[in-house]
C-alpha cells in the first residue's frame, strides 16, 4: 500500500469509529503531562487498538495550554518523491540529497509538497480537535513537519532550526517496530504477538533503542531502527536535536498491534505502538 492508500484507510477507520468513539478515546486516555524541555511520542497505527495512546498526547497538549505544538511526522517512503530519486538520495547522490534531506511540510520555504499523501499525523490532528472541543478550549496551532533523511547529524538538517519556537510543545510520532510475515521478517526470527511474553521482549528492545536516542547515540539508534524496521529514524533524531541537555526516555505503554488482516498476511504480522516521553534527565 502507498502512503496515499494508508491515508484513505485511516480516514475510513476514523469514519467507521465515529465521533462518540473518538470522544471516548480522549476521555479514557492515560494521564500524561507535557514536561518542560521534553517531548511526547505517540503511534500512528490503527486507532482501534492504540487510539488511547494517541488520545493521551492530544489531550496533554490541549491541557498544557500551549498555543503552538510542533508535531514531527514520518514521511513514509519519501512521500510523493520519485522512488528513483529517493534511492539516489539514500545512496549519497548530492543533487537528490539537496532536494530530499530537509524538513518538509506546509509553509516551509521552497517546499515541494511531498507530504501531501502522508498519514502519520492525521489521527493526532483529529484527536487534538476532539480534545479541545471536550475541554471547551481553542485547539493549539499545529506546526506539522516531516524531517527526512536526517541521519547521524540532525543538527545539520536544513529547516530544523526554524522549529525552535518559543513556548511551543514538541511531539513526534513513530511505530517503533514492524514485524512478521507482512514485513519480511526471516522465519527463524519471528516473534508471535499472541505469546504473553512477546510484548515484554519487544518492550526491552524498544527501550534500548530509545535509550540510545536519549543519549544521542545516533549510529547505535539507527542500527536498532534497521533491526526492528522502526520508522523513528528521522523523527527521533530531529526531536532530540530540538531538545537541550541530557535526556531520559520513558515508555508509558507499548502494544503489539495486529496488521495481518490489513496486509492479507499470515500471523504474526504486527506493529509496535508506543506512548512515550523524552524528558530532561533528573540529577
C-alpha atoms as a PDB file:
ATOM      1  CA  UNK A   1       0.000   0.000   0.000  1.00  0.00           C
ATOM      2  CA  UNK A   2       1.191   3.514  -0.810  1.00  0.00           C
ATOM      3  CA  UNK A   3       1.095   6.373   1.724  1.00  0.00           C
ATOM      4  CA  UNK A   4      -1.997   7.602  -0.107  1.00  0.00           C
ATOM      5  CA  UNK A   5      -3.653   4.201   0.315  1.00  0.00           C
ATOM      6  CA  UNK A   6      -2.871   4.256   4.034  1.00  0.00           C
ATOM      7  CA  UNK A   7      -4.165   7.802   4.328  1.00  0.00           C
ATOM      8  CA  UNK A   8      -7.511   6.710   2.914  1.00  0.00           C
ATOM      9  CA  UNK A   9      -7.525   3.557   5.073  1.00  0.00           C
ATOM     10  CA  UNK A  10      -7.086   5.523   8.303  1.00  0.00           C
ATOM     11  CA  UNK A  11      -9.610   8.112   7.195  1.00  0.00           C
ATOM     12  CA  UNK A  12     -12.119   5.291   6.675  1.00  0.00           C
ATOM     13  CA  UNK A  13     -11.282   3.845  10.100  1.00  0.00           C
ATOM     14  CA  UNK A  14     -11.952   7.191  11.796  1.00  0.00           C
ATOM     15  CA  UNK A  15     -15.258   7.495   9.967  1.00  0.00           C
ATOM     16  CA  UNK A  16     -16.251   3.957  10.942  1.00  0.00           C
ATOM     17  CA  UNK A  17     -15.395   4.541  14.605  1.00  0.00           C
ATOM     18  CA  UNK A  18     -17.422   7.736  14.686  1.00  0.00           C
ATOM     19  CA  UNK A  19     -17.341  10.836  16.854  1.00  0.00           C
ATOM     20  CA  UNK A  20     -18.563   9.113  20.031  1.00  0.00           C
ATOM     21  CA  UNK A  21     -15.741   6.574  19.992  1.00  0.00           C
ATOM     22  CA  UNK A  22     -13.163   9.297  19.330  1.00  0.00           C
ATOM     23  CA  UNK A  23     -14.539  11.286  22.266  1.00  0.00           C
ATOM     24  CA  UNK A  24     -14.396   8.176  24.448  1.00  0.00           C
ATOM     25  CA  UNK A  25     -10.750   7.642  23.481  1.00  0.00           C
ATOM     26  CA  UNK A  26      -9.912  11.135  24.701  1.00  0.00           C
ATOM     27  CA  UNK A  27     -11.990  10.812  27.866  1.00  0.00           C
ATOM     28  CA  UNK A  28     -10.418   7.473  28.820  1.00  0.00           C
ATOM     29  CA  UNK A  29      -6.864   8.144  27.700  1.00  0.00           C
ATOM     30  CA  UNK A  30      -3.937   7.605  30.095  1.00  0.00           C
ATOM     31  CA  UNK A  31      -2.897  10.691  32.018  1.00  0.00           C
ATOM     32  CA  UNK A  32       0.376  12.079  30.690  1.00  0.00           C
ATOM     33  CA  UNK A  33       1.794  15.560  31.045  1.00  0.00           C
ATOM     34  CA  UNK A  34       3.944  17.796  28.888  1.00  0.00           C
ATOM     35  CA  UNK A  35       7.334  18.119  30.587  1.00  0.00           C
ATOM     36  CA  UNK A  36       9.126  21.463  30.118  1.00  0.00           C
ATOM     37  CA  UNK A  37      12.071  20.837  27.842  1.00  0.00           C
ATOM     38  CA  UNK A  38      10.739  17.424  26.808  1.00  0.00           C
ATOM     39  CA  UNK A  39       8.637  15.765  24.127  1.00  0.00           C
ATOM     40  CA  UNK A  40       5.806  13.247  23.928  1.00  0.00           C
ATOM     41  CA  UNK A  41       5.766  10.361  21.459  1.00  0.00           C
ATOM     42  CA  UNK A  42       2.693   8.581  20.072  1.00  0.00           C
ATOM     43  CA  UNK A  43       1.968   5.941  17.389  1.00  0.00           C
ATOM     44  CA  UNK A  44       0.180   6.215  14.063  1.00  0.00           C
ATOM     45  CA  UNK A  45      -1.178   2.659  13.988  1.00  0.00           C
ATOM     46  CA  UNK A  46      -4.863   1.723  13.912  1.00  0.00           C
ATOM     47  CA  UNK A  47      -6.972   3.649  16.402  1.00  0.00           C
ATOM     48  CA  UNK A  48      -8.997   0.547  17.224  1.00  0.00           C
ATOM     49  CA  UNK A  49      -6.022  -0.868  19.096  1.00  0.00           C
ATOM     50  CA  UNK A  50      -3.859   2.060  20.204  1.00  0.00           C
ATOM     51  CA  UNK A  51      -6.097   5.096  19.903  1.00  0.00           C
ATOM     52  CA  UNK A  52      -5.880   5.798  23.633  1.00  0.00           C
ATOM     53  CA  UNK A  53      -2.129   6.354  23.254  1.00  0.00           C
ATOM     54  CA  UNK A  54      -2.652   8.981  20.556  1.00  0.00           C
ATOM     55  CA  UNK A  55      -5.527  10.496  22.516  1.00  0.00           C
ATOM     56  CA  UNK A  56      -3.343  10.793  25.623  1.00  0.00           C
ATOM     57  CA  UNK A  57      -0.910  13.063  23.804  1.00  0.00           C
ATOM     58  CA  UNK A  58      -3.697  15.011  22.110  1.00  0.00           C
ATOM     59  CA  UNK A  59      -5.328  15.686  25.484  1.00  0.00           C
ATOM     60  CA  UNK A  60      -1.972  16.530  27.092  1.00  0.00           C
ATOM     61  CA  UNK A  61      -1.110  19.222  24.565  1.00  0.00           C
ATOM     62  CA  UNK A  62      -4.568  20.782  24.899  1.00  0.00           C
ATOM     63  CA  UNK A  63      -4.420  20.715  28.704  1.00  0.00           C
ATOM     64  CA  UNK A  64      -0.915  22.233  28.633  1.00  0.00           C
ATOM     65  CA  UNK A  65      -2.429  25.492  27.418  1.00  0.00           C
ATOM     66  CA  UNK A  66       0.277  25.866  24.790  1.00  0.00           C
ATOM     67  CA  UNK A  67      -0.675  27.997  21.823  1.00  0.00           C
ATOM     68  CA  UNK A  68       1.643  26.131  19.437  1.00  0.00           C
ATOM     69  CA  UNK A  69       2.519  22.450  19.011  1.00  0.00           C
ATOM     70  CA  UNK A  70       5.379  21.325  16.781  1.00  0.00           C
ATOM     71  CA  UNK A  71       4.380  17.881  15.503  1.00  0.00           C
ATOM     72  CA  UNK A  72       7.054  15.766  13.770  1.00  0.00           C
ATOM     73  CA  UNK A  73       5.603  13.206  11.383  1.00  0.00           C
ATOM     74  CA  UNK A  74       7.047  10.316   9.407  1.00  0.00           C
ATOM     75  CA  UNK A  75       7.410  10.912   5.658  1.00  0.00           C
ATOM     76  CA  UNK A  76       6.861   7.297   4.619  1.00  0.00           C
ATOM     77  CA  UNK A  77       8.890   6.320   1.575  1.00  0.00           C
ATOM     78  CA  UNK A  78       9.850   9.907   0.845  1.00  0.00           C
ATOM     79  CA  UNK A  79       6.261  10.867   0.195  1.00  0.00           C
ATOM     80  CA  UNK A  80       5.491  11.605  -3.433  1.00  0.00           C
ATOM     81  CA  UNK A  81       9.148  11.873  -4.439  1.00  0.00           C
ATOM     82  CA  UNK A  82      10.032   9.548  -7.339  1.00  0.00           C
ATOM     83  CA  UNK A  83      11.382   6.225  -5.998  1.00  0.00           C
ATOM     84  CA  UNK A  84      14.490   6.584  -8.149  1.00  0.00           C
ATOM     85  CA  UNK A  85      15.264   9.937  -6.546  1.00  0.00           C
ATOM     86  CA  UNK A  86      14.738   8.518  -3.060  1.00  0.00           C
ATOM     87  CA  UNK A  87      17.107   5.646  -3.871  1.00  0.00           C
ATOM     88  CA  UNK A  88      19.666   8.093  -5.262  1.00  0.00           C
ATOM     89  CA  UNK A  89      19.491  10.248  -2.144  1.00  0.00           C
ATOM     90  CA  UNK A  90      19.949   7.238   0.130  1.00  0.00           C
ATOM     91  CA  UNK A  91      22.954   6.242  -1.999  1.00  0.00           C
ATOM     92  CA  UNK A  92      24.511   9.657  -1.424  1.00  0.00           C
ATOM     93  CA  UNK A  93      23.693  11.489  -4.653  1.00  0.00           C
ATOM     94  CA  UNK A  94      24.309  15.168  -3.894  1.00  0.00           C
ATOM     95  CA  UNK A  95      21.520  16.583  -6.058  1.00  0.00           C
ATOM     96  CA  UNK A  96      18.921  14.167  -4.689  1.00  0.00           C
ATOM     97  CA  UNK A  97      20.053  14.814  -1.124  1.00  0.00           C
ATOM     98  CA  UNK A  98      19.809  18.568  -1.633  1.00  0.00           C
ATOM     99  CA  UNK A  99      16.157  18.147  -2.611  1.00  0.00           C
ATOM    100  CA  UNK A 100      15.085  15.498  -0.110  1.00  0.00           C
ATOM    101  CA  UNK A 101      17.252  15.832   3.023  1.00  0.00           C
ATOM    102  CA  UNK A 102      15.433  18.592   4.852  1.00  0.00           C
ATOM    103  CA  UNK A 103      12.374  19.405   6.905  1.00  0.00           C
ATOM    104  CA  UNK A 104       9.256  19.188   4.741  1.00  0.00           C
ATOM    105  CA  UNK A 105       5.799  20.487   5.488  1.00  0.00           C
ATOM    106  CA  UNK A 106       3.139  23.079   4.763  1.00  0.00           C
ATOM    107  CA  UNK A 107       4.530  26.596   4.813  1.00  0.00           C
ATOM    108  CA  UNK A 108       8.205  25.596   4.664  1.00  0.00           C
ATOM    109  CA  UNK A 109      10.075  27.886   2.233  1.00  0.00           C
ATOM    110  CA  UNK A 110      10.720  26.054  -1.036  1.00  0.00           C
ATOM    111  CA  UNK A 111       8.602  23.091  -0.001  1.00  0.00           C
ATOM    112  CA  UNK A 112       7.654  20.741  -2.845  1.00  0.00           C
ATOM    113  CA  UNK A 113       4.585  19.240  -1.171  1.00  0.00           C
ATOM    114  CA  UNK A 114       5.996  15.720  -0.962  1.00  0.00           C
ATOM    115  CA  UNK A 115       3.968  15.217   2.254  1.00  0.00           C
ATOM    116  CA  UNK A 116       0.504  15.668   0.724  1.00  0.00           C
ATOM    117  CA  UNK A 117      -0.339  11.943   0.840  1.00  0.00           C
ATOM    118  CA  UNK A 118       1.230  11.419   4.270  1.00  0.00           C
ATOM    119  CA  UNK A 119      -0.986   9.997   7.021  1.00  0.00           C
ATOM    120  CA  UNK A 120       1.199   9.730  10.126  1.00  0.00           C
ATOM    121  CA  UNK A 121      -0.192  12.839  11.856  1.00  0.00           C
ATOM    122  CA  UNK A 122      -3.822  12.611  10.699  1.00  0.00           C
ATOM    123  CA  UNK A 123      -5.157  10.688  13.707  1.00  0.00           C
ATOM    124  CA  UNK A 124      -3.355  13.037  16.088  1.00  0.00           C
ATOM    125  CA  UNK A 125      -4.711  16.150  14.401  1.00  0.00           C
ATOM    126  CA  UNK A 126      -8.246  14.751  14.591  1.00  0.00           C
ATOM    127  CA  UNK A 127      -7.939  13.873  18.284  1.00  0.00           C
ATOM    128  CA  UNK A 128      -6.462  17.275  19.159  1.00  0.00           C
ATOM    129  CA  UNK A 129      -9.603  18.842  17.730  1.00  0.00           C
ATOM    130  CA  UNK A 130     -11.764  16.411  19.720  1.00  0.00           C
ATOM    131  CA  UNK A 131      -9.807  17.069  22.930  1.00  0.00           C
ATOM    132  CA  UNK A 132     -10.077  20.831  22.505  1.00  0.00           C
ATOM    133  CA  UNK A 133     -13.820  20.612  21.885  1.00  0.00           C
ATOM    134  CA  UNK A 134     -14.340  18.467  25.001  1.00  0.00           C
ATOM    135  CA  UNK A 135     -12.286  20.902  27.091  1.00  0.00           C
ATOM    136  CA  UNK A 136     -14.076  23.952  25.712  1.00  0.00           C
ATOM    137  CA  UNK A 137     -10.753  25.394  24.579  1.00  0.00           C
ATOM    138  CA  UNK A 138      -9.343  26.642  21.341  1.00  0.00           C
ATOM    139  CA  UNK A 139      -7.174  23.997  19.697  1.00  0.00           C
ATOM    140  CA  UNK A 140      -3.469  24.857  19.606  1.00  0.00           C
ATOM    141  CA  UNK A 141      -1.836  25.790  16.331  1.00  0.00           C
ATOM    142  CA  UNK A 142      -0.193  22.683  14.878  1.00  0.00           C
ATOM    143  CA  UNK A 143       3.101  23.193  13.073  1.00  0.00           C
ATOM    144  CA  UNK A 144       3.206  19.962  11.069  1.00  0.00           C
ATOM    145  CA  UNK A 145       6.652  18.990   9.818  1.00  0.00           C
ATOM    146  CA  UNK A 146       8.267  15.927   8.240  1.00  0.00           C
ATOM    147  CA  UNK A 147      12.045  15.600   8.673  1.00  0.00           C
ATOM    148  CA  UNK A 148      13.565  13.254   6.125  1.00  0.00           C
ATOM    149  CA  UNK A 149      16.938  11.548   5.701  1.00  0.00           C
ATOM    150  CA  UNK A 150      18.150  13.009   8.982  1.00  0.00           C
ATOM    151  CA  UNK A 151      21.000  10.548   9.508  1.00  0.00           C
ATOM    152  CA  UNK A 152      23.520  10.814  12.341  1.00  0.00           C
ATOM    153  CA  UNK A 153      23.876  14.610  12.215  1.00  0.00           C
ATOM    154  CA  UNK A 154      20.406  16.032  12.833  1.00  0.00           C
ATOM    155  CA  UNK A 155      21.769  19.463  13.756  1.00  0.00           C
ATOM    156  CA  UNK A 156      22.767  19.975  10.114  1.00  0.00           C
ATOM    157  CA  UNK A 157      19.290  19.195   8.754  1.00  0.00           C
ATOM    158  CA  UNK A 158      18.036  22.137   6.680  1.00  0.00           C
ATOM    159  CA  UNK A 159      14.964  23.704   8.239  1.00  0.00           C
ATOM    160  CA  UNK A 160      15.366  22.211  11.704  1.00  0.00           C
ATOM    161  CA  UNK A 161      16.337  25.417  13.493  1.00  0.00           C
ATOM    162  CA  UNK A 162      13.114  27.066  12.358  1.00  0.00           C
ATOM    163  CA  UNK A 163      11.273  24.635  14.628  1.00  0.00           C
ATOM    164  CA  UNK A 164      12.760  26.129  17.787  1.00  0.00           C
ATOM    165  CA  UNK A 165       9.592  28.064  18.536  1.00  0.00           C
ATOM    166  CA  UNK A 166       9.474  29.697  21.995  1.00  0.00           C
ATOM    167  CA  UNK A 167       6.950  28.110  24.364  1.00  0.00           C
ATOM    168  CA  UNK A 168       5.879  25.523  21.778  1.00  0.00           C
ATOM    169  CA  UNK A 169       5.176  21.933  22.823  1.00  0.00           C
ATOM    170  CA  UNK A 170       7.103  19.266  20.900  1.00  0.00           C
ATOM    171  CA  UNK A 171       5.605  15.903  19.909  1.00  0.00           C
ATOM    172  CA  UNK A 172       6.639  13.196  17.473  1.00  0.00           C
ATOM    173  CA  UNK A 173       5.147  10.026  16.054  1.00  0.00           C
ATOM    174  CA  UNK A 174       6.577   6.586  15.429  1.00  0.00           C
ATOM    175  CA  UNK A 175       5.657   2.948  15.167  1.00  0.00           C
ATOM    176  CA  UNK A 176       8.995   1.686  16.517  1.00  0.00           C
ATOM    177  CA  UNK A 177       8.761  -1.869  15.167  1.00  0.00           C
ATOM    178  CA  UNK A 178       7.241  -3.578  12.119  1.00  0.00           C
ATOM    179  CA  UNK A 179       7.498  -7.339  12.330  1.00  0.00           C
ATOM    180  CA  UNK A 180       6.402 -10.629  10.876  1.00  0.00           C
ATOM    181  CA  UNK A 181       5.331 -12.161   7.581  1.00  0.00           C
ATOM    182  CA  UNK A 182       3.874  -8.926   6.235  1.00  0.00           C
ATOM    183  CA  UNK A 183       7.127  -7.060   6.872  1.00  0.00           C
ATOM    184  CA  UNK A 184       9.644  -9.615   5.609  1.00  0.00           C
ATOM    185  CA  UNK A 185      10.946 -10.884   8.945  1.00  0.00           C
ATOM    186  CA  UNK A 186      13.010 -14.090   8.498  1.00  0.00           C
ATOM    187  CA  UNK A 187      11.143 -17.211   9.670  1.00  0.00           C
ATOM    188  CA  UNK A 188      13.708 -18.029  12.356  1.00  0.00           C
ATOM    189  CA  UNK A 189      13.320 -14.543  13.882  1.00  0.00           C
ATOM    190  CA  UNK A 190       9.528 -14.470  14.157  1.00  0.00           C
ATOM    191  CA  UNK A 191       8.007 -13.216  17.407  1.00  0.00           C
ATOM    192  CA  UNK A 192       4.442 -14.352  17.988  1.00  0.00           C
ATOM    193  CA  UNK A 193       2.389 -11.401  19.229  1.00  0.00           C
ATOM    194  CA  UNK A 194      -0.102 -13.845  20.756  1.00  0.00           C
ATOM    195  CA  UNK A 195       2.517 -15.122  23.211  1.00  0.00           C
ATOM    196  CA  UNK A 196       2.210 -13.397  26.625  1.00  0.00           C
ATOM    197  CA  UNK A 197       5.975 -12.824  26.865  1.00  0.00           C
ATOM    198  CA  UNK A 198       6.328 -11.173  23.459  1.00  0.00           C
ATOM    199  CA  UNK A 199       5.262  -7.666  24.469  1.00  0.00           C
ATOM    200  CA  UNK A 200       7.839  -7.644  27.275  1.00  0.00           C
ATOM    201  CA  UNK A 201      10.551  -8.849  24.905  1.00  0.00           C
ATOM    202  CA  UNK A 202       9.743  -6.111  22.414  1.00  0.00           C
ATOM    203  CA  UNK A 203       9.500  -3.528  25.187  1.00  0.00           C
ATOM    204  CA  UNK A 204      13.091  -4.282  26.199  1.00  0.00           C
ATOM    205  CA  UNK A 205      14.310  -3.856  22.606  1.00  0.00           C
ATOM    206  CA  UNK A 206      12.429  -0.611  22.035  1.00  0.00           C
ATOM    207  CA  UNK A 207      13.587   0.745  25.375  1.00  0.00           C
ATOM    208  CA  UNK A 208      17.172   0.034  24.349  1.00  0.00           C
ATOM    209  CA  UNK A 209      16.666   1.982  21.123  1.00  0.00           C
ATOM    210  CA  UNK A 210      15.021   4.870  22.951  1.00  0.00           C
ATOM    211  CA  UNK A 211      17.885   4.975  25.456  1.00  0.00           C
ATOM    212  CA  UNK A 212      20.381   5.267  22.578  1.00  0.00           C
ATOM    213  CA  UNK A 213      18.300   8.103  21.183  1.00  0.00           C
ATOM    214  CA  UNK A 214      18.030   9.877  24.542  1.00  0.00           C
ATOM    215  CA  UNK A 215      21.831   9.754  24.799  1.00  0.00           C
ATOM    216  CA  UNK A 216      22.048  10.994  21.204  1.00  0.00           C
ATOM    217  CA  UNK A 217      23.952   7.875  20.193  1.00  0.00           C
ATOM    218  CA  UNK A 218      22.516   8.183  16.719  1.00  0.00           C
ATOM    219  CA  UNK A 219      24.540   5.491  14.973  1.00  0.00           C
ATOM    220  CA  UNK A 220      23.559   2.845  17.533  1.00  0.00           C
ATOM    221  CA  UNK A 221      19.963   4.079  17.418  1.00  0.00           C
ATOM    222  CA  UNK A 222      19.793   3.769  13.627  1.00  0.00           C
ATOM    223  CA  UNK A 223      21.152   0.221  13.827  1.00  0.00           C
ATOM    224  CA  UNK A 224      18.242  -0.603  16.146  1.00  0.00           C
ATOM    225  CA  UNK A 225      15.859   1.039  13.676  1.00  0.00           C
ATOM    226  CA  UNK A 226      17.149  -1.205  10.915  1.00  0.00           C
ATOM    227  CA  UNK A 227      16.824  -4.315  13.075  1.00  0.00           C
ATOM    228  CA  UNK A 228      13.219  -3.610  14.076  1.00  0.00           C
ATOM    229  CA  UNK A 229      12.095  -1.757  10.945  1.00  0.00           C
ATOM    230  CA  UNK A 230      11.360   1.322  13.016  1.00  0.00           C
ATOM    231  CA  UNK A 231      10.133   4.497  11.337  1.00  0.00           C
ATOM    232  CA  UNK A 232      11.562   6.631  14.175  1.00  0.00           C
ATOM    233  CA  UNK A 233      14.820   7.007  12.261  1.00  0.00           C
ATOM    234  CA  UNK A 234      14.026  10.571  11.131  1.00  0.00           C
ATOM    235  CA  UNK A 235      11.552  11.953  13.660  1.00  0.00           C
ATOM    236  CA  UNK A 236      13.560  10.617  16.609  1.00  0.00           C
ATOM    237  CA  UNK A 237      16.923  12.300  15.939  1.00  0.00           C
ATOM    238  CA  UNK A 238      15.180  15.503  14.810  1.00  0.00           C
ATOM    239  CA  UNK A 239      13.186  15.524  18.041  1.00  0.00           C
ATOM    240  CA  UNK A 240      16.203  15.103  20.318  1.00  0.00           C
ATOM    241  CA  UNK A 241      18.142  17.726  18.342  1.00  0.00           C
ATOM    242  CA  UNK A 242      15.419  20.216  19.254  1.00  0.00           C
ATOM    243  CA  UNK A 243      15.755  19.403  22.970  1.00  0.00           C
ATOM    244  CA  UNK A 244      18.559  20.638  25.176  1.00  0.00           C
ATOM    245  CA  UNK A 245      20.674  18.867  27.750  1.00  0.00           C
ATOM    246  CA  UNK A 246      20.735  15.250  28.910  1.00  0.00           C
ATOM    247  CA  UNK A 247      17.533  13.319  28.293  1.00  0.00           C
ATOM    248  CA  UNK A 248      15.832  10.258  29.705  1.00  0.00           C
ATOM    249  CA  UNK A 249      13.297   8.110  27.851  1.00  0.00           C
ATOM    250  CA  UNK A 250      10.236   6.543  29.417  1.00  0.00           C
ATOM    251  CA  UNK A 251       7.750   4.182  27.771  1.00  0.00           C
ATOM    252  CA  UNK A 252       4.339   4.568  29.396  1.00  0.00           C
ATOM    253  CA  UNK A 253       2.602   1.918  27.306  1.00  0.00           C
ATOM    254  CA  UNK A 254       3.582  -0.436  24.487  1.00  0.00           C
ATOM    255  CA  UNK A 255       1.264  -2.681  22.491  1.00  0.00           C
ATOM    256  CA  UNK A 256       1.660  -5.090  19.592  1.00  0.00           C
ATOM    257  CA  UNK A 257      -0.997  -4.265  17.013  1.00  0.00           C
ATOM    258  CA  UNK A 258      -2.035  -6.998  14.587  1.00  0.00           C
ATOM    259  CA  UNK A 259      -1.956  -5.978  10.909  1.00  0.00           C
ATOM    260  CA  UNK A 260      -2.311  -9.422   9.329  1.00  0.00           C
ATOM    261  CA  UNK A 261      -5.848  -8.661   8.164  1.00  0.00           C
ATOM    262  CA  UNK A 262      -4.934  -5.309   6.634  1.00  0.00           C
ATOM    263  CA  UNK A 263      -1.903  -6.678   4.796  1.00  0.00           C
ATOM    264  CA  UNK A 264      -3.526 -10.019   3.952  1.00  0.00           C
ATOM    265  CA  UNK A 265      -0.516 -11.754   5.505  1.00  0.00           C
ATOM    266  CA  UNK A 266      -0.241 -14.672   7.943  1.00  0.00           C
ATOM    267  CA  UNK A 267       0.217 -14.032  11.632  1.00  0.00           C
ATOM    268  CA  UNK A 268       2.436 -12.910  13.138  1.00  0.00           C
ATOM    269  CA  UNK A 269       2.289  -9.588  11.295  1.00  0.00           C
ATOM    270  CA  UNK A 270       2.303  -6.748  13.767  1.00  0.00           C
ATOM    271  CA  UNK A 271       3.331  -3.190  14.512  1.00  0.00           C
ATOM    272  CA  UNK A 272       4.551  -1.900  17.875  1.00  0.00           C
ATOM    273  CA  UNK A 273       2.639   1.121  19.185  1.00  0.00           C
ATOM    274  CA  UNK A 274       4.234   3.145  21.967  1.00  0.00           C
ATOM    275  CA  UNK A 275       3.200   6.016  24.199  1.00  0.00           C
ATOM    276  CA  UNK A 276       6.456   7.501  25.442  1.00  0.00           C
ATOM    277  CA  UNK A 277       8.173  10.646  26.586  1.00  0.00           C
ATOM    278  CA  UNK A 278      11.646  12.114  26.425  1.00  0.00           C
ATOM    279  CA  UNK A 279      12.285  14.486  29.303  1.00  0.00           C
ATOM    280  CA  UNK A 280      15.256  16.244  30.879  1.00  0.00           C
ATOM    281  CA  UNK A 281      17.242  13.777  32.923  1.00  0.00           C
ATOM    282  CA  UNK A 282      16.836  14.202  36.669  1.00  0.00           C
ATOM    283  CA  UNK A 283      20.053  14.872  38.522  1.00  0.00           C
END
